[in-house]
Structure formats: structure tokens, C-alpha cells
Amino acid sequence: MAKVSSSALGWTVDLSTDPRQQYREKALELGYKMKSGDVAGKVLSGALQNFFGTGLLEATGCAMTDRSPWPSQMVRPAVGVPFATTKYVLIQTFLENSSPVSG
């Protein structure tokens, strides 16, 4: 997470590409895919929570609700909800450092 946060300070923002579309594509590439072809958002959210742990997510202000976990919202197409910077760092770190889902 520190590596992603540090490199983010030097990022050039490309406003032509929605980072959430990139997260969606990476999630599908890693195997978080339902039979319909959509991202398995709840599975992805559970894996992200296991990756970081509930304590870290709560400490960073990024706790999840069972009803609509924020990682699943971040990989939906055309969601106009703004997200805190911390959530972008967390999901990007998770997707860049996760192994593909088996089965």
C-alpha cells in the first residue's frame, strides 16, 4: 500500500480513462467473474477484506457494509459515486498484488 501511495504522488492524471473501468477489467482478468460475464463484486469485496483485514479497513475509514460493499461498487460500469482516495489506493493495491482466483 505504501508503494502505491508513494507512486500516486507522481501520477499524471489521465482524465480520458475511468480508473474504475481499469479495476473492472483487472478484476475480470483475475477471475472475479460471474457466469453472466459481470464482475463477482461480493466475492471480490470479500477477498479484498481478507487481504487487508477488517482492522486495517476500519482504521483507514474504509470499512465495508454487507449490503453494498464499496469494492463491488468500484468495479460497476457507469457508477457516478465519488470514492475517497484511500479506497482507490486500497483497490488498486489489492488488484495489483492478488493471485488469480482458482475454480
Protein backbone atom coordinates (compact mmCIF):
# COMPACT_ATOMS: atom_id res chain seq x y z
CA MET A 1 0.00 0.00 0.00
CA ALA A 2 2.84 2.37 0.79
CA LYS A 3 4.35 1.73 -2.64
CA VAL A 4 1.10 2.57 -4.44
CA SER A 5 0.51 5.60 -2.25
CA SER A 6 4.02 6.89 -2.86
CA SER A 7 3.88 6.36 -6.61
CA ALA A 8 0.47 8.06 -6.72
CA LEU A 9 2.16 11.33 -5.81
CA GLY A 10 3.92 11.27 -9.17
CA TRP A 11 0.99 10.10 -11.29
CA THR A 12 -0.13 12.07 -14.26
CA VAL A 13 -3.90 12.08 -14.22
CA ASP A 14 -5.44 10.77 -17.43
CA LEU A 15 -8.98 12.09 -17.46
CA SER A 16 -9.82 10.19 -20.64
CA THR A 17 -9.85 6.86 -18.80
CA ASP A 18 -12.04 5.99 -15.83
CA PRO A 19 -9.87 4.10 -13.32
CA ARG A 20 -12.92 2.09 -12.29
CA GLN A 21 -13.06 0.59 -15.79
CA GLN A 22 -9.44 -0.45 -15.37
CA TYR A 23 -10.30 -2.02 -11.98
CA ARG A 24 -13.22 -3.84 -13.60
CA GLU A 25 -11.01 -5.25 -16.35
CA LYS A 26 -8.34 -6.34 -13.87
CA ALA A 27 -10.94 -8.00 -11.61
CA LEU A 28 -12.28 -9.98 -14.56
CA GLU A 29 -8.73 -10.88 -15.60
CA LEU A 30 -8.08 -12.22 -12.09
CA GLY A 31 -11.17 -14.44 -12.32
CA TYR A 32 -13.77 -12.47 -10.35
CA LYS A 33 -16.35 -13.28 -13.00
CA MET A 34 -19.93 -14.48 -12.81
CA LYS A 35 -21.50 -16.71 -15.46
CA SER A 36 -23.23 -13.62 -16.87
CA GLY A 37 -19.81 -12.06 -17.53
CA ASP A 38 -20.22 -9.39 -14.87
CA VAL A 39 -17.70 -8.91 -12.07
CA ALA A 40 -18.45 -11.02 -8.99
CA GLY A 41 -18.44 -7.95 -6.78
CA LYS A 42 -19.31 -9.58 -3.46
CA VAL A 43 -16.61 -12.22 -3.95
CA LEU A 44 -14.11 -9.52 -4.88
CA SER A 45 -15.11 -7.48 -1.82
CA GLY A 46 -14.71 -10.47 0.48
CA ALA A 47 -11.27 -11.23 -0.98
CA LEU A 48 -10.19 -7.60 -0.53
CA GLN A 49 -11.38 -7.65 3.08
CA ASN A 50 -9.44 -10.87 3.72
CA PHE A 51 -6.37 -9.40 2.00
CA PHE A 52 -6.22 -6.29 4.19
CA GLY A 53 -8.16 -7.40 7.27
CA THR A 54 -11.13 -5.73 8.90
CA GLY A 55 -8.93 -3.78 11.32
CA LEU A 56 -6.95 -2.01 8.61
CA LEU A 57 -10.07 -1.20 6.61
CA GLU A 58 -11.74 0.27 9.68
CA ALA A 59 -8.59 2.21 10.64
CA THR A 60 -8.44 3.79 7.18
CA GLY A 61 -12.13 4.71 7.21
CA CYS A 62 -12.91 2.10 4.57
CA ALA A 63 -14.99 -0.43 6.49
CA MET A 64 -17.46 -2.40 4.40
CA THR A 65 -21.14 -3.00 4.80
CA ASP A 66 -22.69 -6.34 3.94
CA ARG A 67 -25.42 -4.73 1.91
CA SER A 68 -23.30 -2.90 -0.65
CA PRO A 69 -19.55 -3.20 -0.14
CA TRP A 70 -17.61 -0.35 -1.74
CA PRO A 71 -15.20 -2.55 -3.77
CA SER A 72 -18.15 -4.04 -5.67
CA GLN A 73 -19.37 -0.51 -6.43
CA MET A 74 -15.93 0.48 -7.72
CA VAL A 75 -16.00 -2.17 -10.46
CA ARG A 76 -19.53 -1.49 -11.71
CA PRO A 77 -19.83 0.23 -15.05
CA ALA A 78 -21.12 3.81 -15.02
CA VAL A 79 -21.37 4.29 -11.26
CA GLY A 80 -21.30 8.02 -10.67
CA VAL A 81 -20.48 7.77 -6.97
CA PRO A 82 -17.25 9.52 -5.91
CA PHE A 83 -14.91 7.48 -3.73
CA ALA A 84 -12.32 8.54 -1.18
CA THR A 85 -8.72 8.46 -2.38
CA THR A 86 -7.92 5.77 0.19
CA LYS A 87 -10.39 3.40 -1.47
CA TYR A 88 -8.69 3.88 -4.84
CA VAL A 89 -5.31 3.09 -3.25
CA LEU A 90 -6.72 0.01 -1.48
CA ILE A 91 -8.46 -1.50 -4.50
CA GLN A 92 -5.52 -0.79 -6.80
CA THR A 93 -3.09 -2.34 -4.31
CA PHE A 94 -5.31 -5.40 -3.96
CA LEU A 95 -5.75 -5.89 -7.72
CA GLU A 96 -2.05 -5.40 -8.45
CA ASN A 97 -0.96 -7.86 -5.75
CA SER A 98 -3.60 -10.58 -5.93
CA SER A 99 -3.25 -14.01 -7.43
CA PRO A 100 -5.86 -15.17 -9.91
CA VAL A 101 -8.94 -16.79 -8.41
CA SER A 102 -8.97 -20.57 -8.85
CA GLY A 103 -12.01 -22.56 -9.79
